[in-house]
PDB file of N, CA and C in Angstrom:
ATOM      1  N   MET A   1     195.327 116.568  99.262  1.00  0.00           N
ATOM      2  CA  MET A   1     196.421 117.168  99.999  1.00  0.00           C
ATOM      3  C   MET A   1     197.156 118.183  99.129  1.00  0.00           C
ATOM      4  N   ASP A   2     197.639 117.756  97.970  1.00  0.00           N
ATOM      5  CA  ASP A   2     198.423 118.639  97.131  1.00  0.00           C
ATOM      6  C   ASP A   2     197.806 118.683  95.750  1.00  0.00           C
ATOM      7  N   LYS A   3     197.343 119.850  95.353  1.00  0.00           N
ATOM      8  CA  LYS A   3     196.677 119.968  94.064  1.00  0.00           C
ATOM      9  C   LYS A   3     197.635 119.823  92.886  1.00  0.00           C
ATOM     10  N   PHE A   4     198.934 119.850  93.123  1.00  0.00           N
ATOM     11  CA  PHE A   4     199.903 119.785  92.031  1.00  0.00           C
ATOM     12  C   PHE A   4     200.401 118.368  91.743  1.00  0.00           C
ATOM     13  N   LEU A   5     200.018 117.395  92.549  1.00  0.00           N
ATOM     14  CA  LEU A   5     200.589 116.060  92.400  1.00  0.00           C
ATOM     15  C   LEU A   5     200.390 115.451  91.017  1.00  0.00           C
ATOM     16  N   HIS A   6     199.352 115.785  90.340  1.00  0.00           N
ATOM     17  CA  HIS A   6     199.062 115.122  89.075  1.00  0.00           C
ATOM     18  C   HIS A   6     199.071 116.048  87.873  1.00  0.00           C
ATOM     19  N   ASP A   7     199.399 117.314  88.059  1.00  0.00           N
ATOM     20  CA  ASP A   7     199.315 118.271  86.974  1.00  0.00           C
ATOM     21  C   ASP A   7     200.388 118.092  85.899  1.00  0.00           C
ATOM     22  N   HIS A   8     201.607 117.771  86.302  1.00  0.00           N
ATOM     23  CA  HIS A   8     202.707 117.712  85.351  1.00  0.00           C
ATOM     24  C   HIS A   8     203.521 116.441  85.571  1.00  0.00           C
ATOM     25  N   PRO A   9     203.958 115.837  84.469  1.00  0.00           N
ATOM     26  CA  PRO A   9     204.850 114.693  84.659  1.00  0.00           C
ATOM     27  C   PRO A   9     206.173 115.167  85.238  1.00  0.00           C
ATOM     28  N   SER A  10     206.773 114.354  86.070  1.00  0.00           N
ATOM     29  CA  SER A  10     208.043 114.739  86.649  1.00  0.00           C
ATOM     30  C   SER A  10     209.132 113.813  86.148  1.00  0.00           C
ATOM     31  N   LYS A  11     210.336 114.301  86.230  1.00  0.00           N
ATOM     32  CA  LYS A  11     211.498 113.493  85.862  1.00  0.00           C
ATOM     33  C   LYS A  11     211.895 112.709  87.105  1.00  0.00           C
ATOM     34  N   PRO A  12     211.888 111.395  87.037  1.00  0.00           N
ATOM     35  CA  PRO A  12     212.192 110.593  88.237  1.00  0.00           C
ATOM     36  C   PRO A  12     213.559 110.932  88.826  1.00  0.00           C
ATOM     37  N   ARG A  13     213.604 110.936  90.147  1.00  0.00           N
ATOM     38  CA  ARG A  13     214.866 111.170  90.850  1.00  0.00           C
ATOM     39  C   ARG A  13     215.734 109.913  90.733  1.00  0.00           C
ATOM     40  N   THR A  14     217.031 110.130  90.715  1.00  0.00           N
ATOM     41  CA  THR A  14     217.924 108.975  90.745  1.00  0.00           C
ATOM     42  C   THR A  14     217.869 108.375  92.152  1.00  0.00           C
ATOM     43  N   LYS A  15     218.320 107.165  92.289  1.00  0.00           N
ATOM     44  CA  LYS A  15     218.365 106.525  93.613  1.00  0.00           C
ATOM     45  C   LYS A  15     219.245 107.336  94.563  1.00  0.00           C
ATOM     46  N   ASP A  16     220.332 107.885  94.054  1.00  0.00           N
ATOM     47  CA  ASP A  16     221.223 108.705  94.877  1.00  0.00           C
ATOM     48  C   ASP A  16     220.515 109.970  95.357  1.00  0.00           C
ATOM     49  N   GLU A  17     219.764 110.632  94.454  1.00  0.00           N
ATOM     50  CA  GLU A  17     219.010 111.822  94.838  1.00  0.00           C
ATOM     51  C   GLU A  17     217.973 111.483  95.898  1.00  0.00           C
ATOM     52  N   GLN A  18     217.265 110.396  95.683  1.00  0.00           N
ATOM     53  CA  GLN A  18     216.260 109.960  96.663  1.00  0.00           C
ATOM     54  C   GLN A  18     216.898 109.711  98.020  1.00  0.00           C
ATOM     55  N   GLN A  19     218.012 108.994  98.014  1.00  0.00           N
ATOM     56  CA  GLN A  19     218.651 108.618  99.270  1.00  0.00           C
ATOM     57  C   GLN A  19     219.147 109.829 100.039  1.00  0.00           C
ATOM     58  N   LYS A  20     219.680 110.817  99.338  1.00  0.00           N
ATOM     59  CA  LYS A  20     220.157 112.028 100.011  1.00  0.00           C
ATOM     60  C   LYS A  20     219.009 112.746 100.716  1.00  0.00           C
ATOM     61  N   VAL A  21     217.869 112.875 100.041  1.00  0.00           N
ATOM     62  CA  VAL A  21     216.718 113.546 100.654  1.00  0.00           C
ATOM     63  C   VAL A  21     216.186 112.712 101.813  1.00  0.00           C
ATOM     64  N   ILE A  22     216.082 111.410 101.620  1.00  0.00           N
ATOM     65  CA  ILE A  22     215.588 110.528 102.685  1.00  0.00           C
ATOM     66  C   ILE A  22     216.506 110.602 103.905  1.00  0.00           C
ATOM     67  N   ASN A  23     217.815 110.588 103.688  1.00  0.00           N
ATOM     68  CA  ASN A  23     218.759 110.677 104.808  1.00  0.00           C
ATOM     69  C   ASN A  23     218.586 111.979 105.581  1.00  0.00           C
ATOM     70  N   ARG A  24     218.412 113.079 104.870  1.00  0.00           N
ATOM     71  CA  ARG A  24     218.200 114.364 105.536  1.00  0.00           C
ATOM     72  C   ARG A  24     216.914 114.332 106.357  1.00  0.00           C
ATOM     73  N   LEU A  25     215.850 113.786 105.758  1.00  0.00           N
ATOM     74  CA  LEU A  25     214.571 113.735 106.469  1.00  0.00           C
ATOM     75  C   LEU A  25     214.636 112.821 107.689  1.00  0.00           C
ATOM     76  N   LYS A  26     215.386 111.751 107.592  1.00  0.00           N
ATOM     77  CA  LYS A  26     215.540 110.863 108.750  1.00  0.00           C
ATOM     78  C   LYS A  26     216.292 111.565 109.881  1.00  0.00           C
ATOM     79  N   ARG A  27     217.299 112.366 109.519  1.00  0.00           N
ATOM     80  CA  ARG A  27     218.009 113.147 110.542  1.00  0.00           C
ATOM     81  C   ARG A  27     217.052 114.118 111.220  1.00  0.00           C
ATOM     82  N   ILE A  28     216.219 114.770 110.420  1.00  0.00           N
ATOM     83  CA  ILE A  28     215.235 115.712 110.972  1.00  0.00           C
ATOM     84  C   ILE A  28     214.254 114.975 111.871  1.00  0.00           C
ATOM     85  N   GLU A  29     213.823 113.807 111.431  1.00  0.00           N
ATOM     86  CA  GLU A  29     212.916 112.991 112.241  1.00  0.00           C
ATOM     87  C   GLU A  29     213.547 112.682 113.603  1.00  0.00           C
ATOM     88  N   GLY A  30     214.831 112.361 113.601  1.00  0.00           N
ATOM     89  CA  GLY A  30     215.546 112.104 114.848  1.00  0.00           C
ATOM     90  C   GLY A  30     215.619 113.342 115.729  1.00  0.00           C
ATOM     91  N   GLN A  31     215.804 114.500 115.094  1.00  0.00           N
ATOM     92  CA  GLN A  31     215.832 115.748 115.850  1.00  0.00           C
ATOM     93  C   GLN A  31     214.470 116.021 116.495  1.00  0.00           C
ATOM     94  N   VAL A  32     213.388 115.742 115.764  1.00  0.00           N
ATOM     95  CA  VAL A  32     212.046 115.946 116.310  1.00  0.00           C
ATOM     96  C   VAL A  32     211.824 115.022 117.510  1.00  0.00           C
ATOM     97  N   ARG A  33     212.257 113.788 117.382  1.00  0.00           N
ATOM     98  CA  ARG A  33     212.148 112.864 118.521  1.00  0.00           C
ATOM     99  C   ARG A  33     212.959 113.377 119.711  1.00  0.00           C
ATOM    100  N   GLY A  34     214.118 113.965 119.417  1.00  0.00           N
ATOM    101  CA  GLY A  34     214.934 114.535 120.483  1.00  0.00           C
ATOM    102  C   GLY A  34     214.211 115.660 121.209  1.00  0.00           C
ATOM    103  N   ILE A  35     213.501 116.484 120.464  1.00  0.00           N
ATOM    104  CA  ILE A  35     212.728 117.567 121.089  1.00  0.00           C
ATOM    105  C   ILE A  35     211.593 116.990 121.922  1.00  0.00           C
ATOM    106  N   GLN A  36     210.947 115.954 121.437  1.00  0.00           N
ATOM    107  CA  GLN A  36     209.890 115.312 122.225  1.00  0.00           C
ATOM    108  C   GLN A  36     210.443 114.846 123.568  1.00  0.00           C
ATOM    109  N   LYS A  37     211.620 114.257 123.528  1.00  0.00           N
ATOM    110  CA  LYS A  37     212.275 113.788 124.761  1.00  0.00           C
ATOM    111  C   LYS A  37     212.625 114.964 125.665  1.00  0.00           C
ATOM    112  N   MET A  38     213.085 116.050 125.064  1.00  0.00           N
ATOM    113  CA  MET A  38     213.411 117.238 125.850  1.00  0.00           C
ATOM    114  C   MET A  38     212.167 117.756 126.584  1.00  0.00           C
ATOM    115  N   VAL A  39     211.039 117.760 125.910  1.00  0.00           N
ATOM    116  CA  VAL A  39     209.791 118.213 126.536  1.00  0.00           C
ATOM    117  C   VAL A  39     209.406 117.254 127.654  1.00  0.00           C
ATOM    118  N   GLU A  40     209.489 115.945 127.375  1.00  0.00           N
ATOM    119  CA  GLU A  40     209.163 114.950 128.402  1.00  0.00           C
ATOM    120  C   GLU A  40     210.063 115.107 129.627  1.00  0.00           C
ATOM    121  N   ASP A  41     211.314 115.461 129.392  1.00  0.00           N
ATOM    122  CA  ASP A  41     212.279 115.640 130.484  1.00  0.00           C
ATOM    123  C   ASP A  41     212.211 117.030 131.107  1.00  0.00           C
ATOM    124  N   ASP A  42     211.256 117.823 130.646  1.00  0.00           N
ATOM    125  CA  ASP A  42     211.038 119.177 131.164  1.00  0.00           C
ATOM    126  C   ASP A  42     212.302 120.028 131.077  1.00  0.00           C
ATOM    127  N   ARG A  43     212.954 119.960 129.913  1.00  0.00           N
ATOM    128  CA  ARG A  43     214.180 120.738 129.687  1.00  0.00           C
ATOM    129  C   ARG A  43     213.875 122.218 129.552  1.00  0.00           C
ATOM    130  N   TYR A  44     214.884 123.011 129.677  1.00  0.00           N
ATOM    131  CA  TYR A  44     214.800 124.461 129.609  1.00  0.00           C
ATOM    132  C   TYR A  44     214.213 124.903 128.257  1.00  0.00           C
ATOM    133  N   CYS A  45     213.248 125.812 128.307  1.00  0.00           N
ATOM    134  CA  CYS A  45     212.525 126.246 127.106  1.00  0.00           C
ATOM    135  C   CYS A  45     213.452 126.762 126.003  1.00  0.00           C
ATOM    136  N   VAL A  46     214.453 127.532 126.386  1.00  0.00           N
ATOM    137  CA  VAL A  46     215.355 128.098 125.385  1.00  0.00           C
ATOM    138  C   VAL A  46     216.113 126.986 124.655  1.00  0.00           C
ATOM    139  N   ASP A  47     216.507 125.936 125.366  1.00  0.00           N
ATOM    140  CA  ASP A  47     217.183 124.811 124.715  1.00  0.00           C
ATOM    141  C   ASP A  47     216.259 124.146 123.691  1.00  0.00           C
ATOM    142  N   ILE A  48     214.999 124.019 124.037  1.00  0.00           N
ATOM    143  CA  ILE A  48     214.010 123.429 123.119  1.00  0.00           C
ATOM    144  C   ILE A  48     213.835 124.335 121.904  1.00  0.00           C
ATOM    145  N   LEU A  49     213.743 125.634 122.143  1.00  0.00           N
ATOM    146  CA  LEU A  49     213.572 126.577 121.035  1.00  0.00           C
ATOM    147  C   LEU A  49     214.768 126.561 120.083  1.00  0.00           C
ATOM    148  N   VAL A  50     215.958 126.421 120.622  1.00  0.00           N
ATOM    149  CA  VAL A  50     217.156 126.331 119.772  1.00  0.00           C
ATOM    150  C   VAL A  50     217.062 125.100 118.864  1.00  0.00           C
ATOM    151  N   GLN A  51     216.613 123.990 119.418  1.00  0.00           N
ATOM    152  CA  GLN A  51     216.477 122.772 118.618  1.00  0.00           C
ATOM    153  C   GLN A  51     215.369 122.906 117.568  1.00  0.00           C
ATOM    154  N   ILE A  52     214.287 123.571 117.924  1.00  0.00           N
ATOM    155  CA  ILE A  52     213.213 123.813 116.954  1.00  0.00           C
ATOM    156  C   ILE A  52     213.742 124.656 115.802  1.00  0.00           C
ATOM    157  N   SER A  53     214.528 125.670 116.123  1.00  0.00           N
ATOM    158  CA  SER A  53     215.119 126.515 115.092  1.00  0.00           C
ATOM    159  C   SER A  53     216.023 125.698 114.164  1.00  0.00           C
ATOM    160  N   ALA A  54     216.784 124.786 114.732  1.00  0.00           N
ATOM    161  CA  ALA A  54     217.673 123.935 113.926  1.00  0.00           C
ATOM    162  C   ALA A  54     216.866 123.065 112.966  1.00  0.00           C
ATOM    163  N   ILE A  55     215.734 122.547 113.442  1.00  0.00           N
ATOM    164  CA  ILE A  55     214.878 121.708 112.589  1.00  0.00           C
ATOM    165  C   ILE A  55     214.266 122.544 111.474  1.00  0.00           C
ATOM    166  N   GLN A  56     213.809 123.739 111.813  1.00  0.00           N
ATOM    167  CA  GLN A  56     213.239 124.608 110.779  1.00  0.00           C
ATOM    168  C   GLN A  56     214.271 124.904 109.699  1.00  0.00           C
ATOM    169  N   SER A  57     215.491 125.160 110.101  1.00  0.00           N
ATOM    170  CA  SER A  57     216.565 125.423 109.150  1.00  0.00           C
ATOM    171  C   SER A  57     216.844 124.189 108.290  1.00  0.00           C
ATOM    172  N   ALA A  58     216.881 123.029 108.906  1.00  0.00           N
ATOM    173  CA  ALA A  58     217.131 121.789 108.171  1.00  0.00           C
ATOM    174  C   ALA A  58     216.023 121.526 107.157  1.00  0.00           C
ATOM    175  N   LEU A  59     214.767 121.756 107.547  1.00  0.00           N
ATOM    176  CA  LEU A  59     213.651 121.564 106.626  1.00  0.00           C
ATOM    177  C   LEU A  59     213.719 122.554 105.462  1.00  0.00           C
ATOM    178  N   LYS A  60     214.071 123.791 105.760  1.00  0.00           N
ATOM    179  CA  LYS A  60     214.215 124.770 104.679  1.00  0.00           C
ATOM    180  C   LYS A  60     215.287 124.329 103.698  1.00  0.00           C
ATOM    181  N   ASN A  61     216.398 123.802 104.225  1.00  0.00           N
ATOM    182  CA  ASN A  61     217.471 123.348 103.342  1.00  0.00           C
ATOM    183  C   ASN A  61     217.039 122.180 102.472  1.00  0.00           C
ATOM    184  N   VAL A  62     216.246 121.272 103.015  1.00  0.00           N
ATOM    185  CA  VAL A  62     215.699 120.183 102.201  1.00  0.00           C
ATOM    186  C   VAL A  62     214.798 120.783 101.120  1.00  0.00           C
ATOM    187  N   GLY A  63     213.976 121.736 101.512  1.00  0.00           N
ATOM    188  CA  GLY A  63     213.098 122.399 100.543  1.00  0.00           C
ATOM    189  C   GLY A  63     213.878 123.088  99.438  1.00  0.00           C
ATOM    190  N   PHE A  64     214.958 123.762  99.804  1.00  0.00           N
ATOM    191  CA  PHE A  64     215.785 124.421  98.796  1.00  0.00           C
ATOM    192  C   PHE A  64     216.406 123.395  97.845  1.00  0.00           C
ATOM    193  N   ALA A  65     216.860 122.288  98.371  1.00  0.00           N
ATOM    194  CA  ALA A  65     217.459 121.246  97.531  1.00  0.00           C
ATOM    195  C   ALA A  65     216.433 120.668  96.562  1.00  0.00           C
ATOM    196  N   VAL A  66     215.222 120.413  97.051  1.00  0.00           N
ATOM    197  CA  VAL A  66     214.161 119.882  96.185  1.00  0.00           C
ATOM    198  C   VAL A  66     213.770 120.931  95.142  1.00  0.00           C
ATOM    199  N   THR A  67     213.711 122.187  95.552  1.00  0.00           N
ATOM    200  CA  THR A  67     213.378 123.272  94.619  1.00  0.00           C
ATOM    201  C   THR A  67     214.434 123.390  93.529  1.00  0.00           C
ATOM    202  N   GLU A  68     215.685 123.332  93.934  1.00  0.00           N
ATOM    203  CA  GLU A  68     216.774 123.429  92.952  1.00  0.00           C
ATOM    204  C   GLU A  68     216.695 122.303  91.931  1.00  0.00           C
ATOM    205  N   ARG A  69     216.445 121.097  92.410  1.00  0.00           N
ATOM    206  CA  ARG A  69     216.328 119.958  91.506  1.00  0.00           C
ATOM    207  C   ARG A  69     215.140 120.139  90.567  1.00  0.00           C
ATOM    208  N   HIS A  70     214.031 120.616  91.129  1.00  0.00           N
ATOM    209  CA  HIS A  70     212.829 120.838  90.321  1.00  0.00           C
ATOM    210  C   HIS A  70     213.106 121.861  89.217  1.00  0.00           C
ATOM    211  N   MET A  71     213.797 122.924  89.565  1.00  0.00           N
ATOM    212  CA  MET A  71     214.093 123.957  88.573  1.00  0.00           C
ATOM    213  C   MET A  71     215.041 123.435  87.490  1.00  0.00           C
ATOM    214  N   ASN A  72     216.043 122.683  87.908  1.00  0.00           N
ATOM    215  CA  ASN A  72     217.036 122.190  86.954  1.00  0.00           C
ATOM    216  C   ASN A  72     216.512 121.091  86.040  1.00  0.00           C
ATOM    217  N   HIS A  73     215.472 120.405  86.468  1.00  0.00           N
ATOM    218  CA  HIS A  73     214.962 119.301  85.658  1.00  0.00           C
ATOM    219  C   HIS A  73     213.549 119.581  85.155  1.00  0.00           C
ATOM    220  N   CYS A  74     212.592 119.624  86.052  1.00  0.00           N
ATOM    221  CA  CYS A  74     211.182 119.731  85.662  1.00  0.00           C
ATOM    222  C   CYS A  74     210.873 121.060  84.980  1.00  0.00           C
ATOM    223  N   VAL A  75     211.290 122.168  85.591  1.00  0.00           N
ATOM    224  CA  VAL A  75     210.996 123.475  85.004  1.00  0.00           C
ATOM    225  C   VAL A  75     211.758 123.646  83.694  1.00  0.00           C
ATOM    226  N   SER A  76     213.013 123.265  83.697  1.00  0.00           N
ATOM    227  CA  SER A  76     213.823 123.361  82.486  1.00  0.00           C
ATOM    228  C   SER A  76     213.208 122.545  81.345  1.00  0.00           C
ATOM    229  N   ASP A  77     212.789 121.316  81.640  1.00  0.00           N
ATOM    230  CA  ASP A  77     212.158 120.473  80.623  1.00  0.00           C
ATOM    231  C   ASP A  77     210.850 121.083  80.124  1.00  0.00           C
ATOM    232  N   ALA A  78     210.070 121.640  81.042  1.00  0.00           N
ATOM    233  CA  ALA A  78     208.794 122.248  80.655  1.00  0.00           C
ATOM    234  C   ALA A  78     209.025 123.447  79.737  1.00  0.00           C
ATOM    235  N   ILE A  79     210.042 124.244  80.034  1.00  0.00           N
ATOM    236  CA  ILE A  79     210.349 125.393  79.177  1.00  0.00           C
ATOM    237  C   ILE A  79     210.718 124.916  77.779  1.00  0.00           C
ATOM    238  N   LYS A  80     211.530 123.881  77.702  1.00  0.00           N
ATOM    239  CA  LYS A  80     211.931 123.328  76.396  1.00  0.00           C
ATOM    240  C   LYS A  80     210.732 122.806  75.616  1.00  0.00           C
ATOM    241  N   GLN A  81     209.700 122.343  76.333  1.00  0.00           N
ATOM    242  CA  GLN A  81     208.504 121.797  75.682  1.00  0.00           C
ATOM    243  C   GLN A  81     207.424 122.855  75.465  1.00  0.00           C
ATOM    244  N   GLY A  82     207.751 124.107  75.754  1.00  0.00           N
ATOM    245  CA  GLY A  82     206.795 125.181  75.547  1.00  0.00           C
ATOM    246  C   GLY A  82     205.752 125.321  76.643  1.00  0.00           C
ATOM    247  N   GLU A  83     205.973 124.692  77.784  1.00  0.00           N
ATOM    248  CA  GLU A  83     205.027 124.751  78.898  1.00  0.00           C
ATOM    249  C   GLU A  83     205.626 125.490  80.097  1.00  0.00           C
ATOM    250  N   GLY A  84     206.576 126.355  79.838  1.00  0.00           N
ATOM    251  CA  GLY A  84     207.290 127.024  80.910  1.00  0.00           C
ATOM    252  C   GLY A  84     206.440 127.955  81.741  1.00  0.00           C
ATOM    253  N   LYS A  85     205.558 128.700  81.105  1.00  0.00           N
ATOM    254  CA  LYS A  85     204.756 129.687  81.840  1.00  0.00           C
ATOM    255  C   LYS A  85     203.943 129.026  82.944  1.00  0.00           C
ATOM    256  N   GLU A  86     203.250 127.959  82.619  1.00  0.00           N
ATOM    257  CA  GLU A  86     202.425 127.262  83.609  1.00  0.00           C
ATOM    258  C   GLU A  86     203.271 126.661  84.719  1.00  0.00           C
ATOM    259  N   THR A  87     204.391 126.087  84.356  1.00  0.00           N
ATOM    260  CA  THR A  87     205.260 125.444  85.343  1.00  0.00           C
ATOM    261  C   THR A  87     205.890 126.480  86.274  1.00  0.00           C
ATOM    262  N   ILE A  88     206.262 127.611  85.740  1.00  0.00           N
ATOM    263  CA  ILE A  88     206.828 128.676  86.574  1.00  0.00           C
ATOM    264  C   ILE A  88     205.760 129.233  87.505  1.00  0.00           C
ATOM    265  N   GLU A  89     204.535 129.416  87.004  1.00  0.00           N
ATOM    266  CA  GLU A  89     203.436 129.892  87.855  1.00  0.00           C
ATOM    267  C   GLU A  89     203.175 128.900  88.992  1.00  0.00           C
ATOM    268  N   GLU A  90     203.192 127.619  88.664  1.00  0.00           N
ATOM    269  CA  GLU A  90     202.994 126.581  89.678  1.00  0.00           C
ATOM    270  C   GLU A  90     204.085 126.664  90.748  1.00  0.00           C
ATOM    271  N   LEU A  91     205.328 126.778  90.310  1.00  0.00           N
ATOM    272  CA  LEU A  91     206.450 126.862  91.245  1.00  0.00           C
ATOM    273  C   LEU A  91     206.346 128.114  92.110  1.00  0.00           C
ATOM    274  N   MET A  92     205.983 129.228  91.527  1.00  0.00           N
ATOM    275  CA  MET A  92     205.858 130.466  92.292  1.00  0.00           C
ATOM    276  C   MET A  92     204.769 130.344  93.357  1.00  0.00           C
ATOM    277  N   THR A  93     203.678 129.682  93.044  1.00  0.00           N
ATOM    278  CA  THR A  93     202.605 129.463  94.018  1.00  0.00           C
ATOM    279  C   THR A  93     203.131 128.667  95.199  1.00  0.00           C
ATOM    280  N   VAL A  94     203.881 127.624  94.919  1.00  0.00           N
ATOM    281  CA  VAL A  94     204.438 126.794  95.989  1.00  0.00           C
ATOM    282  C   VAL A  94     205.483 127.564  96.780  1.00  0.00           C
ATOM    283  N   LEU A  95     206.328 128.331  96.103  1.00  0.00           N
ATOM    284  CA  LEU A  95     207.351 129.101  96.817  1.00  0.00           C
ATOM    285  C   LEU A  95     206.734 130.146  97.735  1.00  0.00           C
ATOM    286  N   LYS A  96     205.615 130.703  97.337  1.00  0.00           N
ATOM    287  CA  LYS A  96     204.925 131.652  98.215  1.00  0.00           C
ATOM    288  C   LYS A  96     204.447 130.945  99.500  1.00  0.00           C
ATOM    289  N   GLN A  97     203.957 129.725  99.345  1.00  0.00           N
ATOM    290  CA  GLN A  97     203.543 128.936 100.528  1.00  0.00           C
ATOM    291  C   GLN A  97     204.774 128.592 101.365  1.00  0.00           C
ATOM    292  N   PHE A  98     205.844 128.234 100.706  1.00  0.00           N
ATOM    293  CA  PHE A  98     207.082 127.813 101.355  1.00  0.00           C
ATOM    294  C   PHE A  98     207.677 128.929 102.200  1.00  0.00           C
ATOM    295  N   SER A  99     207.510 130.163 101.733  1.00  0.00           N
ATOM    296  CA  SER A  99     208.144 131.285 102.410  1.00  0.00           C
ATOM    297  C   SER A  99     207.326 131.864 103.556  1.00  0.00           C
ATOM    298  N   LYS A 100     206.159 131.317 103.816  1.00  0.00           N
ATOM    299  CA  LYS A 100     205.317 131.840 104.907  1.00  0.00           C
ATOM    300  C   LYS A 100     205.909 131.507 106.245  1.00  0.00           C
TER     301      LYS A 100
END
C-alpha cells in the first residue's frame, strides 16, 4: 500500500496527538455516513456536493496537521542526523500526491 511505511523510523505520537487525529477522523467518518444517508434519501445534489466539499476540506486539514507534525519531528530529527535530503525528498513525493 505505502512504500514509505518502513523506510524511516518515526517518532511515536503522544496519546494526545493520536486522540486528536482519531477524533477528527471519526467526525469525518460521521460526515461520510451522513452523505450516504443523504443519497439514500434522494436529497438535492447540491446539498450532497456541499457536504462532500466539507469532507474534502476536513481531510485536507487532517493531512496538514499530520504533515506539520512530521516536519517538526521526523524531518527535523532526520536533518539533525544527516539524513535530511532523503527525508525531504520523501516528503515532497507525498506532498505531490497529496496536492492532486
